[in-house]
Amino acid sequence: MEKTPNKYEYAYRDSKPRYHHPYLMTPLLEILSANSPAGAAQTRVLDLGCGNGSLTHLVAQHGYEVVGLDSSEQGIAIARESFPDCKFIEADIYDLPDAGLVNSFDIVMAVEVIEHLFYPKELVRYAQKCLKPNGCLILSTPYHGYLKNLMLAASGKMDEHFTVLWDMGHVKFFSVPTLTTLLKSEGYTDISFRFAGRLPYLWKSMLCSCKPS
């Protein structure tokens, strides 16, 4: 029986890079390099919420073995057709990972994903199951802080920023303290942050690296 498309899943139309890739790639690659195991022939990376696969492919071009995972049937179909050099899996982080994914990756990354989730703890729990011992989780998400929030309010851009008219848009708005609290509650340690885009304290995004206990 043919599978009925889910009209409520995140929509992907092509394999073009997302708008945030240009300002995130440099710090992301630096964090990946810093957390790659010494002496390993190739670092294994799981890209959670890979969407159309464009970022998975970009990271793989830098010598990493990258597997992309997403719940979007449309996104995974585009990724498989556009980037046959990478492996892509259609799966949901709200389910248990397949046995072949458990304890299999040096690094798990989720780039601009966690802000779309009603249950963000499930993402970091899923990542923890997939990481090898002493592995690393890398998250990126839009930055929020006191000064940036004031600037958004003063400029009248709150509605635009909160993406209220964007189906499947942002539903969580993390600051450094709130993301730190979430990660600590799930047993993550060695939590550190970097920032990307715009001037200091008006950053577009923050990148967090951490390790499961």
C-alpha atoms as a PDB file:
ATOM      1  CA  MET A   1       0.000   0.000   0.000  1.00  0.00           C
ATOM      2  CA  GLU A   2       1.327   3.432  -0.946  1.00  0.00           C
ATOM      3  CA  LYS A   3       2.209   5.611   2.020  1.00  0.00           C
ATOM      4  CA  THR A   4       0.035   8.706   2.425  1.00  0.00           C
ATOM      5  CA  PRO A   5       2.174  11.868   2.682  1.00  0.00           C
ATOM      6  CA  ASN A   6       1.920  13.685   5.999  1.00  0.00           C
ATOM      7  CA  LYS A   7       0.672  17.167   5.158  1.00  0.00           C
ATOM      8  CA  TYR A   8       1.764  18.381   8.595  1.00  0.00           C
ATOM      9  CA  GLU A   9       5.442  17.472   8.263  1.00  0.00           C
ATOM     10  CA  TYR A  10       8.098  20.127   7.662  1.00  0.00           C
ATOM     11  CA  ALA A  11       8.111  20.947   3.936  1.00  0.00           C
ATOM     12  CA  TYR A  12      11.242  20.738   1.775  1.00  0.00           C
ATOM     13  CA  ARG A  13      11.161  21.720  -1.890  1.00  0.00           C
ATOM     14  CA  ASP A  14      14.788  21.327  -2.959  1.00  0.00           C
ATOM     15  CA  SER A  15      18.296  20.484  -1.790  1.00  0.00           C
ATOM     16  CA  LYS A  16      19.568  24.054  -1.423  1.00  0.00           C
ATOM     17  CA  PRO A  17      21.534  24.966   1.728  1.00  0.00           C
ATOM     18  CA  ARG A  18      19.477  26.607   4.465  1.00  0.00           C
ATOM     19  CA  TYR A  19      19.820  30.321   5.214  1.00  0.00           C
ATOM     20  CA  HIS A  20      21.807  29.712   8.412  1.00  0.00           C
ATOM     21  CA  HIS A  21      24.533  27.547   6.892  1.00  0.00           C
ATOM     22  CA  PRO A  22      26.880  30.394   5.818  1.00  0.00           C
ATOM     23  CA  TYR A  23      27.338  31.824   9.322  1.00  0.00           C
ATOM     24  CA  LEU A  24      27.271  28.492  11.159  1.00  0.00           C
ATOM     25  CA  MET A  25      29.667  26.413   9.054  1.00  0.00           C
ATOM     26  CA  THR A  26      32.967  27.855  10.321  1.00  0.00           C
ATOM     27  CA  PRO A  27      32.261  27.479  14.067  1.00  0.00           C
ATOM     28  CA  LEU A  28      30.537  24.130  13.474  1.00  0.00           C
ATOM     29  CA  LEU A  29      33.560  22.698  11.667  1.00  0.00           C
ATOM     30  CA  GLU A  30      35.867  23.992  14.402  1.00  0.00           C
ATOM     31  CA  ILE A  31      33.773  22.293  17.103  1.00  0.00           C
ATOM     32  CA  LEU A  32      33.638  19.071  15.073  1.00  0.00           C
ATOM     33  CA  SER A  33      37.421  19.094  14.705  1.00  0.00           C
ATOM     34  CA  ALA A  34      37.993  19.812  18.403  1.00  0.00           C
ATOM     35  CA  ASN A  35      35.787  16.887  19.429  1.00  0.00           C
ATOM     36  CA  SER A  36      36.941  14.288  16.916  1.00  0.00           C
ATOM     37  CA  PRO A  37      38.662  11.336  18.612  1.00  0.00           C
ATOM     38  CA  ALA A  38      42.429  11.385  18.277  1.00  0.00           C
ATOM     39  CA  GLY A  39      43.838   8.701  16.036  1.00  0.00           C
ATOM     40  CA  ALA A  40      40.503   7.703  14.516  1.00  0.00           C
ATOM     41  CA  ALA A  41      40.584   6.897  10.815  1.00  0.00           C
ATOM     42  CA  GLN A  42      37.316   8.783  10.331  1.00  0.00           C
ATOM     43  CA  THR A  43      34.947  10.495  12.752  1.00  0.00           C
ATOM     44  CA  ARG A  44      31.360   9.192  12.631  1.00  0.00           C
ATOM     45  CA  VAL A  45      28.724  11.929  12.858  1.00  0.00           C
ATOM     46  CA  LEU A  46      24.944  11.635  13.148  1.00  0.00           C
ATOM     47  CA  ASP A  47      23.037  14.676  11.857  1.00  0.00           C
ATOM     48  CA  LEU A  48      19.672  14.748  13.660  1.00  0.00           C
ATOM     49  CA  GLY A  49      16.974  16.710  11.858  1.00  0.00           C
ATOM     50  CA  CYS A  50      19.000  16.697   8.652  1.00  0.00           C
ATOM     51  CA  GLY A  51      16.063  17.883   6.534  1.00  0.00           C
ATOM     52  CA  ASN A  52      17.035  17.990   2.867  1.00  0.00           C
ATOM     53  CA  GLY A  53      20.536  16.694   3.600  1.00  0.00           C
ATOM     54  CA  SER A  54      22.427  19.781   2.460  1.00  0.00           C
ATOM     55  CA  LEU A  55      24.316  20.268   5.736  1.00  0.00           C
ATOM     56  CA  THR A  56      24.994  16.532   6.041  1.00  0.00           C
ATOM     57  CA  HIS A  57      26.628  16.687   2.622  1.00  0.00           C
ATOM     58  CA  LEU A  58      28.642  19.826   3.430  1.00  0.00           C
ATOM     59  CA  VAL A  59      30.070  18.273   6.586  1.00  0.00           C
ATOM     60  CA  ALA A  60      30.859  15.014   4.762  1.00  0.00           C
ATOM     61  CA  GLN A  61      32.895  17.000   2.238  1.00  0.00           C
ATOM     62  CA  HIS A  62      35.288  17.839   5.089  1.00  0.00           C
ATOM     63  CA  GLY A  63      36.204  14.203   5.652  1.00  0.00           C
ATOM     64  CA  TYR A  64      33.578  13.075   8.148  1.00  0.00           C
ATOM     65  CA  GLU A  65      31.436   9.964   7.819  1.00  0.00           C
ATOM     66  CA  VAL A  66      27.996  11.512   8.258  1.00  0.00           C
ATOM     67  CA  VAL A  67      24.593   9.861   8.548  1.00  0.00           C
ATOM     68  CA  GLY A  68      21.534  12.110   8.235  1.00  0.00           C
ATOM     69  CA  LEU A  69      18.298  11.354  10.079  1.00  0.00           C
ATOM     70  CA  ASP A  70      14.937  13.085   9.785  1.00  0.00           C
ATOM     71  CA  SER A  71      11.249  12.270  10.191  1.00  0.00           C
ATOM     72  CA  SER A  72      10.309  14.114   6.983  1.00  0.00           C
ATOM     73  CA  GLU A  73       9.615  11.650   4.178  1.00  0.00           C
ATOM     74  CA  GLN A  74       9.911  14.475   1.657  1.00  0.00           C
ATOM     75  CA  GLY A  75      13.186  15.757   3.108  1.00  0.00           C
ATOM     76  CA  ILE A  76      14.805  12.321   3.155  1.00  0.00           C
ATOM     77  CA  ALA A  77      13.687  11.603  -0.424  1.00  0.00           C
ATOM     78  CA  ILE A  78      15.324  14.839  -1.603  1.00  0.00           C
ATOM     79  CA  ALA A  79      18.468  14.105   0.409  1.00  0.00           C
ATOM     80  CA  ARG A  80      18.870  10.587  -0.974  1.00  0.00           C
ATOM     81  CA  GLU A  81      18.424  11.756  -4.553  1.00  0.00           C
ATOM     82  CA  SER A  82      20.656  14.830  -4.230  1.00  0.00           C
ATOM     83  CA  PHE A  83      23.486  13.462  -2.074  1.00  0.00           C
ATOM     84  CA  PRO A  84      24.049   9.756  -2.816  1.00  0.00           C
ATOM     85  CA  ASP A  85      27.472   9.943  -1.150  1.00  0.00           C
ATOM     86  CA  CYS A  86      25.766  10.128   2.274  1.00  0.00           C
ATOM     87  CA  LYS A  87      23.468   7.733   4.097  1.00  0.00           C
ATOM     88  CA  PHE A  88      20.036   9.023   5.118  1.00  0.00           C
ATOM     89  CA  ILE A  89      17.516   7.453   7.478  1.00  0.00           C
ATOM     90  CA  GLU A  90      13.837   8.305   7.817  1.00  0.00           C
ATOM     91  CA  ALA A  91      13.135   8.033  11.540  1.00  0.00           C
ATOM     92  CA  ASP A  92      11.649   9.991  14.433  1.00  0.00           C
ATOM     93  CA  ILE A  93      13.585  11.086  17.510  1.00  0.00           C
ATOM     94  CA  TYR A  94      10.459  10.423  19.577  1.00  0.00           C
ATOM     95  CA  ASP A  95      10.958   6.704  18.897  1.00  0.00           C
ATOM     96  CA  LEU A  96      13.788   4.499  20.137  1.00  0.00           C
ATOM     97  CA  PRO A  97      16.783   4.482  17.766  1.00  0.00           C
ATOM     98  CA  ASP A  98      17.391   1.376  15.687  1.00  0.00           C
ATOM     99  CA  ALA A  99      19.958  -0.998  17.150  1.00  0.00           C
ATOM    100  CA  GLY A 100      22.440  -0.058  14.436  1.00  0.00           C
ATOM    101  CA  LEU A 101      22.500   3.539  15.665  1.00  0.00           C
ATOM    102  CA  VAL A 102      22.996   2.856  19.374  1.00  0.00           C
ATOM    103  CA  ASN A 103      26.483   3.722  20.726  1.00  0.00           C
ATOM    104  CA  SER A 104      27.665   4.156  17.136  1.00  0.00           C
ATOM    105  CA  PHE A 105      28.692   7.796  16.711  1.00  0.00           C
ATOM    106  CA  ASP A 106      31.584   9.933  17.911  1.00  0.00           C
ATOM    107  CA  ILE A 107      29.504  13.087  17.472  1.00  0.00           C
ATOM    108  CA  VAL A 108      25.793  13.784  17.213  1.00  0.00           C
ATOM    109  CA  MET A 109      24.788  17.202  15.895  1.00  0.00           C
ATOM    110  CA  ALA A 110      21.426  18.925  15.598  1.00  0.00           C
ATOM    111  CA  VAL A 111      21.699  22.257  13.805  1.00  0.00           C
ATOM    112  CA  GLU A 112      18.785  24.704  14.203  1.00  0.00           C
ATOM    113  CA  VAL A 113      16.460  21.841  15.148  1.00  0.00           C
ATOM    114  CA  ILE A 114      15.742  21.912  18.880  1.00  0.00           C
ATOM    115  CA  GLU A 115      13.775  25.180  18.692  1.00  0.00           C
ATOM    116  CA  HIS A 116      11.164  23.429  16.525  1.00  0.00           C
ATOM    117  CA  LEU A 117      10.410  20.705  19.095  1.00  0.00           C
ATOM    118  CA  PHE A 118       7.633  20.665  21.665  1.00  0.00           C
ATOM    119  CA  TYR A 119       9.635  18.057  23.595  1.00  0.00           C
ATOM    120  CA  PRO A 120      13.291  19.106  23.237  1.00  0.00           C
ATOM    121  CA  LYS A 121      14.525  16.756  25.963  1.00  0.00           C
ATOM    122  CA  GLU A 122      13.687  13.856  23.661  1.00  0.00           C
ATOM    123  CA  LEU A 123      16.312  15.071  21.200  1.00  0.00           C
ATOM    124  CA  VAL A 124      19.130  15.067  23.748  1.00  0.00           C
ATOM    125  CA  ARG A 125      17.982  11.680  25.100  1.00  0.00           C
ATOM    126  CA  TYR A 126      18.005  10.219  21.587  1.00  0.00           C
ATOM    127  CA  ALA A 127      21.471  11.663  20.998  1.00  0.00           C
ATOM    128  CA  GLN A 128      22.745  10.152  24.236  1.00  0.00           C
ATOM    129  CA  LYS A 129      21.646   6.684  23.107  1.00  0.00           C
ATOM    130  CA  CYS A 130      23.467   7.074  19.786  1.00  0.00           C
ATOM    131  CA  LEU A 131      26.760   8.430  21.130  1.00  0.00           C
ATOM    132  CA  LYS A 132      29.794   6.298  21.815  1.00  0.00           C
ATOM    133  CA  PRO A 133      31.334   6.574  25.296  1.00  0.00           C
ATOM    134  CA  ASN A 134      32.955  10.015  25.641  1.00  0.00           C
ATOM    135  CA  GLY A 135      31.118  11.182  22.524  1.00  0.00           C
ATOM    136  CA  CYS A 136      29.999  14.760  21.947  1.00  0.00           C
ATOM    137  CA  LEU A 137      26.635  16.384  21.273  1.00  0.00           C
ATOM    138  CA  ILE A 138      26.602  19.624  19.271  1.00  0.00           C
ATOM    139  CA  LEU A 139      23.474  21.770  19.223  1.00  0.00           C
ATOM    140  CA  SER A 140      22.807  25.062  17.516  1.00  0.00           C
ATOM    141  CA  THR A 141      19.737  27.207  18.051  1.00  0.00           C
ATOM    142  CA  PRO A 142      18.819  30.895  17.719  1.00  0.00           C
ATOM    143  CA  TYR A 143      20.415  32.959  20.493  1.00  0.00           C
ATOM    144  CA  HIS A 144      18.288  34.815  23.020  1.00  0.00           C
ATOM    145  CA  GLY A 145      19.551  37.141  25.707  1.00  0.00           C
ATOM    146  CA  TYR A 146      18.550  40.320  27.523  1.00  0.00           C
ATOM    147  CA  LEU A 147      20.028  42.848  25.068  1.00  0.00           C
ATOM    148  CA  LYS A 148      18.821  41.047  21.947  1.00  0.00           C
ATOM    149  CA  ASN A 149      15.335  40.662  23.401  1.00  0.00           C
ATOM    150  CA  LEU A 150      15.224  44.395  24.181  1.00  0.00           C
ATOM    151  CA  MET A 151      16.343  45.240  20.639  1.00  0.00           C
ATOM    152  CA  LEU A 152      13.683  42.987  19.126  1.00  0.00           C
ATOM    153  CA  ALA A 153      10.984  44.613  21.246  1.00  0.00           C
ATOM    154  CA  ALA A 154      12.200  48.172  20.588  1.00  0.00           C
ATOM    155  CA  SER A 155      12.398  47.595  16.828  1.00  0.00           C
ATOM    156  CA  GLY A 156       8.902  46.105  16.625  1.00  0.00           C
ATOM    157  CA  LYS A 157      10.181  42.790  15.244  1.00  0.00           C
ATOM    158  CA  MET A 158       8.894  40.437  17.926  1.00  0.00           C
ATOM    159  CA  ASP A 159       6.111  38.979  15.752  1.00  0.00           C
ATOM    160  CA  GLU A 160       8.518  38.310  12.897  1.00  0.00           C
ATOM    161  CA  HIS A 161      11.104  36.817  15.233  1.00  0.00           C
ATOM    162  CA  PHE A 162       8.634  34.471  16.901  1.00  0.00           C
ATOM    163  CA  THR A 163       7.637  33.075  13.465  1.00  0.00           C
ATOM    164  CA  VAL A 164       3.955  32.994  14.389  1.00  0.00           C
ATOM    165  CA  LEU A 165       2.893  32.760  10.724  1.00  0.00           C
ATOM    166  CA  TRP A 166       5.418  30.018   9.875  1.00  0.00           C
ATOM    167  CA  ASP A 167       3.863  26.561   9.989  1.00  0.00           C
ATOM    168  CA  MET A 168       6.258  24.240  11.854  1.00  0.00           C
ATOM    169  CA  GLY A 169       8.230  27.296  12.993  1.00  0.00           C
ATOM    170  CA  HIS A 170      10.020  27.970  16.263  1.00  0.00           C
ATOM    171  CA  VAL A 171       8.243  26.964  19.468  1.00  0.00           C
ATOM    172  CA  LYS A 172      11.168  27.131  21.941  1.00  0.00           C
ATOM    173  CA  PHE A 173      13.374  30.186  22.478  1.00  0.00           C
ATOM    174  CA  PHE A 174      16.534  29.248  24.356  1.00  0.00           C
ATOM    175  CA  SER A 175      19.043  31.377  26.215  1.00  0.00           C
ATOM    176  CA  VAL A 176      22.405  30.139  27.475  1.00  0.00           C
ATOM    177  CA  PRO A 177      20.972  29.498  30.987  1.00  0.00           C
ATOM    178  CA  THR A 178      17.857  27.651  29.788  1.00  0.00           C
ATOM    179  CA  LEU A 179      19.705  25.390  27.349  1.00  0.00           C
ATOM    180  CA  THR A 180      22.332  24.701  30.012  1.00  0.00           C
ATOM    181  CA  THR A 181      19.600  23.774  32.495  1.00  0.00           C
ATOM    182  CA  LEU A 182      17.975  21.404  29.992  1.00  0.00           C
ATOM    183  CA  LEU A 183      21.261  19.646  29.234  1.00  0.00           C
ATOM    184  CA  LYS A 184      22.276  19.329  32.890  1.00  0.00           C
ATOM    185  CA  SER A 185      18.871  17.848  33.712  1.00  0.00           C
ATOM    186  CA  GLU A 186      19.649  15.058  31.235  1.00  0.00           C
ATOM    187  CA  GLY A 187      23.098  14.380  32.660  1.00  0.00           C
ATOM    188  CA  TYR A 188      25.273  16.286  30.178  1.00  0.00           C
ATOM    189  CA  THR A 189      28.531  17.864  31.339  1.00  0.00           C
ATOM    190  CA  ASP A 190      31.422  19.882  29.848  1.00  0.00           C
ATOM    191  CA  ILE A 191      28.871  22.305  28.410  1.00  0.00           C
ATOM    192  CA  SER A 192      30.388  25.146  26.391  1.00  0.00           C
ATOM    193  CA  PHE A 193      29.035  27.767  24.007  1.00  0.00           C
ATOM    194  CA  ARG A 194      30.112  29.649  20.910  1.00  0.00           C
ATOM    195  CA  PHE A 195      28.166  32.294  19.054  1.00  0.00           C
ATOM    196  CA  ALA A 196      27.644  33.148  15.391  1.00  0.00           C
ATOM    197  CA  GLY A 197      26.183  35.918  13.253  1.00  0.00           C
ATOM    198  CA  ARG A 198      25.913  39.654  13.937  1.00  0.00           C
ATOM    199  CA  LEU A 199      27.529  41.704  16.692  1.00  0.00           C
ATOM    200  CA  PRO A 200      28.206  40.394  20.213  1.00  0.00           C
ATOM    201  CA  TYR A 201      25.037  39.904  22.287  1.00  0.00           C
ATOM    202  CA  LEU A 202      22.921  40.372  19.165  1.00  0.00           C
ATOM    203  CA  TRP A 203      24.086  37.032  17.789  1.00  0.00           C
ATOM    204  CA  LYS A 204      21.884  35.104  15.403  1.00  0.00           C
ATOM    205  CA  SER A 205      22.695  31.689  16.847  1.00  0.00           C
ATOM    206  CA  MET A 206      24.581  29.913  19.582  1.00  0.00           C
ATOM    207  CA  LEU A 207      26.396  26.601  19.250  1.00  0.00           C
ATOM    208  CA  CYS A 208      26.692  24.348  22.267  1.00  0.00           C
ATOM    209  CA  SER A 209      28.923  21.314  22.729  1.00  0.00           C
ATOM    210  CA  CYS A 210      28.557  18.894  25.632  1.00  0.00           C
ATOM    211  CA  LYS A 211      29.192  15.317  26.711  1.00  0.00           C
ATOM    212  CA  PRO A 212      26.884  12.752  28.282  1.00  0.00           C
ATOM    213  CA  SER A 213      27.834  11.625  31.768  1.00  0.00           C
END
